[in-house]
Amino acid sequence: MPTSIDERNPRNQDGDWVKIFAAFSISVTLFVAVWVVANRYPSAGQWISDAVQAEFAYPNAPSDDKAAKQPRKVVHTAKIK
């Protein structure tokens, strides 16, 4: 009496190798793509680093831009007598 579906149908074992090969192929392809970009465009590392830091590093940090420090519209409160 078999205990699992895989033991009853030996063809299911071939599917495991296909999944492993697909995962390995995708990993190798991504590695080669990153390696090609790094070797062909050496400055790409700098702009990728700048983009990542701008997106994720210190999201609440004050801006260095002087225009950002000054409000565009000054709101005055009304005085109540």
Protein backbone atom coordinates (compact mmCIF):
# COMPACT_ATOMS: atom_id res chain seq x y z
CA MET A 1 0.00 0.00 0.00
CA PRO A 2 1.69 3.24 -1.14
CA THR A 3 1.91 6.13 1.32
CA SER A 4 2.07 9.06 -1.10
CA ILE A 5 1.12 10.01 -4.62
CA ASP A 6 4.78 10.24 -5.66
CA GLU A 7 5.33 6.58 -4.87
CA ARG A 8 2.34 5.52 -6.97
CA ASN A 9 3.38 7.57 -10.02
CA PRO A 10 7.14 7.45 -10.67
CA ARG A 11 6.80 10.02 -13.48
CA ASN A 12 6.25 12.77 -10.87
CA GLN A 13 9.89 12.45 -9.84
CA ASP A 14 10.97 13.87 -13.21
CA GLY A 15 9.09 17.08 -12.43
CA ASP A 16 11.40 17.73 -9.48
CA TRP A 17 14.45 17.78 -11.76
CA VAL A 18 12.73 20.17 -14.15
CA LYS A 19 11.97 22.58 -11.30
CA ILE A 20 15.52 22.36 -9.98
CA PHE A 21 16.97 22.95 -13.45
CA ALA A 22 14.63 25.91 -14.04
CA ALA A 23 15.60 27.54 -10.75
CA PHE A 24 19.29 26.99 -11.45
CA SER A 25 18.96 28.37 -15.00
CA ILE A 26 17.19 31.52 -13.80
CA SER A 27 19.84 32.08 -11.13
CA VAL A 28 22.69 31.69 -13.60
CA THR A 29 20.99 33.96 -16.13
CA LEU A 30 20.50 36.72 -13.55
CA PHE A 31 24.10 36.39 -12.38
CA VAL A 32 25.42 36.65 -15.94
CA ALA A 33 23.21 39.68 -16.64
CA VAL A 34 24.49 41.52 -13.56
CA TRP A 35 28.07 40.60 -14.41
CA VAL A 36 27.69 41.88 -17.99
CA VAL A 37 26.19 45.18 -16.82
CA ALA A 38 28.93 45.60 -14.22
CA ASN A 39 31.69 45.00 -16.78
CA ARG A 40 30.17 46.92 -19.67
CA TYR A 41 29.04 49.95 -17.65
CA PRO A 42 31.40 50.43 -14.69
CA SER A 43 29.60 53.61 -13.64
CA ALA A 44 26.33 51.71 -13.32
CA GLY A 45 27.25 50.67 -9.80
CA GLN A 46 27.42 54.29 -8.70
CA TRP A 47 24.03 55.34 -10.05
CA ILE A 48 22.40 52.15 -8.79
CA SER A 49 23.88 52.87 -5.35
CA ASP A 50 22.65 56.47 -5.49
CA ALA A 51 19.17 55.38 -6.51
CA VAL A 52 18.93 52.79 -3.73
CA GLN A 53 20.17 55.24 -1.12
CA ALA A 54 17.73 57.90 -2.31
CA GLU A 55 14.87 55.43 -2.11
CA PHE A 56 15.58 53.62 1.14
CA ALA A 57 18.20 55.44 3.24
CA TYR A 58 16.89 57.94 5.78
CA PRO A 59 13.45 58.66 4.32
CA ASN A 60 12.78 61.37 6.96
CA ALA A 61 16.19 63.03 6.72
CA PRO A 62 16.15 66.77 6.05
CA SER A 63 16.89 67.83 2.53
CA ASP A 64 20.08 69.67 1.61
CA ASP A 65 18.15 71.85 -0.81
CA LYS A 66 17.87 75.45 0.43
CA ALA A 67 14.52 75.91 -1.29
CA ALA A 68 13.08 73.03 0.69
CA LYS A 69 13.94 74.75 3.98
CA GLN A 70 11.93 77.86 3.20
CA PRO A 71 8.16 77.63 2.95
CA ARG A 72 6.65 78.87 -0.29
CA LYS A 73 3.54 80.36 1.30
CA VAL A 74 3.52 81.94 4.70
CA VAL A 75 0.31 81.35 6.57
CA HIS A 76 -0.62 84.02 9.13
CA THR A 77 -3.06 83.26 11.88
CA ALA A 78 -5.99 85.57 12.43
CA LYS A 79 -6.05 87.52 15.66
CA ILE A 80 -9.21 87.25 17.66
CA LYS A 81 -10.22 90.29 19.72
